[in-house]
Amino acid sequence: DLVLGYSKVNWLLLASPLAVVSKLAGFGHGPTFLFSLLALIPQAQLLGLFTEQVALYTNDAIGGLLNATFGNLTELIISILALRKDMMRIVQVSLLGSVLSN
């Protein structure tokens, strides 16, 4: 069950460089988005594992704060990138999704 150190899902990390190649080679928005989306799945899983492991060595307050902070890291990154490109609607939808999922 373990592949690349944690799980079979980690094979999707190979989609990260494919997303960069897709963007630079001009494959279009669709393939670039798909590769980026696939690469986010294991990254979210690894981030959750990281916060769980750090929380084991800290107290409940710090562990909860880390989970709350890093649990919304994806939304924060999307919001920052969208704000830099003046895409206010993307920021609003991302924050709405974050609020509804929490």
Protein backbone atom coordinates (compact mmCIF):
# COMPACT_ATOMS: atom_id res chain seq x y z
CA ASP A 1 0.00 0.00 0.00
CA LEU A 2 2.92 2.33 0.60
CA VAL A 3 4.46 3.95 -2.45
CA LEU A 4 6.87 6.89 -2.39
CA GLY A 5 6.92 6.85 1.40
CA TYR A 6 3.26 7.27 2.32
CA SER A 7 0.59 6.08 -0.09
CA LYS A 8 -0.23 5.37 -3.71
CA VAL A 9 -1.76 8.84 -4.00
CA ASN A 10 1.76 10.29 -3.84
CA TRP A 11 2.33 9.19 -7.43
CA LEU A 12 0.15 12.16 -8.33
CA LEU A 13 3.03 14.39 -7.19
CA LEU A 14 4.51 13.69 -10.62
CA ALA A 15 1.73 15.87 -12.01
CA SER A 16 3.47 18.98 -10.56
CA PRO A 17 6.29 19.11 -13.11
CA LEU A 18 3.83 18.06 -15.81
CA ALA A 19 1.74 21.14 -14.98
CA VAL A 20 4.80 23.36 -15.39
CA VAL A 21 5.75 21.69 -18.67
CA SER A 22 2.15 21.99 -19.87
CA LYS A 23 2.13 25.71 -19.10
CA LEU A 24 5.52 26.41 -20.69
CA ALA A 25 4.81 24.27 -23.76
CA GLY A 26 1.47 26.00 -24.33
CA PHE A 27 -0.73 22.89 -24.04
CA GLY A 28 -3.63 25.13 -23.08
CA HIS A 29 -5.52 25.90 -19.91
CA GLY A 30 -7.35 22.57 -19.69
CA PRO A 31 -4.36 20.20 -19.42
CA THR A 32 -2.46 22.64 -17.21
CA PHE A 33 -5.43 22.89 -14.84
CA LEU A 34 -5.88 19.11 -14.79
CA PHE A 35 -2.21 18.46 -13.95
CA SER A 36 -2.29 21.17 -11.27
CA LEU A 37 -5.47 19.76 -9.76
CA LEU A 38 -4.05 16.23 -9.68
CA ALA A 39 -0.87 17.52 -8.02
CA LEU A 40 -2.87 19.21 -5.24
CA ILE A 41 -4.39 15.93 -4.02
CA PRO A 42 -1.22 14.40 -2.54
CA GLN A 43 0.04 17.79 -1.43
CA ALA A 44 -3.09 18.28 0.68
CA GLN A 45 -2.70 14.78 2.10
CA LEU A 46 0.96 15.36 2.98
CA LEU A 47 0.13 18.71 4.57
CA GLY A 48 -2.51 17.01 6.75
CA LEU A 49 -0.01 14.32 7.74
CA PHE A 50 2.56 16.99 8.59
CA THR A 51 0.18 18.90 10.87
CA GLU A 52 -0.89 15.68 12.60
CA GLN A 53 2.72 14.71 13.25
CA VAL A 54 3.65 18.15 14.58
CA ALA A 55 0.53 18.16 16.77
CA LEU A 56 1.72 14.92 18.41
CA TYR A 57 4.75 16.78 19.78
CA THR A 58 2.90 19.89 20.94
CA ASN A 59 -0.08 20.59 23.14
CA ASP A 60 -3.72 20.59 22.00
CA ALA A 61 -3.88 24.37 21.51
CA ILE A 62 -0.87 24.52 19.19
CA GLY A 63 -1.98 21.37 17.36
CA GLY A 64 -5.43 22.85 16.77
CA LEU A 65 -3.95 26.15 15.62
CA LEU A 66 -1.68 24.35 13.15
CA ASN A 67 -4.60 22.31 11.79
CA ALA A 68 -6.73 25.43 11.37
CA THR A 69 -3.90 27.38 9.74
CA PHE A 70 -2.57 24.76 7.37
CA GLY A 71 -6.03 23.35 6.68
CA ASN A 72 -6.82 26.54 4.80
CA LEU A 73 -3.43 26.99 3.16
CA THR A 74 -4.76 26.07 -0.28
CA GLU A 75 -7.43 28.76 -0.09
CA LEU A 76 -4.86 31.28 1.09
CA ILE A 77 -2.53 30.54 -1.83
CA ILE A 78 -5.38 30.69 -4.35
CA SER A 79 -6.61 33.96 -2.86
CA ILE A 80 -3.19 35.60 -2.95
CA LEU A 81 -2.56 34.58 -6.56
CA ALA A 82 -6.06 35.65 -7.61
CA LEU A 83 -5.76 39.01 -5.83
CA ARG A 84 -2.49 39.70 -7.63
CA LYS A 85 -4.34 39.22 -10.93
CA ASP A 86 -7.37 41.24 -9.77
CA MET A 87 -9.70 38.19 -9.87
CA MET A 88 -11.99 39.19 -7.01
CA ARG A 89 -14.71 36.67 -7.88
CA ILE A 90 -12.25 33.76 -7.54
CA VAL A 91 -11.23 35.04 -4.10
CA GLN A 92 -14.86 35.32 -3.02
CA VAL A 93 -15.74 31.81 -4.18
CA SER A 94 -12.60 30.33 -2.62
CA LEU A 95 -13.33 31.96 0.73
CA LEU A 96 -16.98 30.91 0.55
CA GLY A 97 -15.91 27.31 -0.07
CA SER A 98 -13.52 27.52 2.86
CA VAL A 99 -16.22 28.80 5.19
CA LEU A 100 -18.75 26.21 4.06
CA SER A 101 -16.30 23.31 4.35
CA ASN A 102 -15.23 24.29 7.87
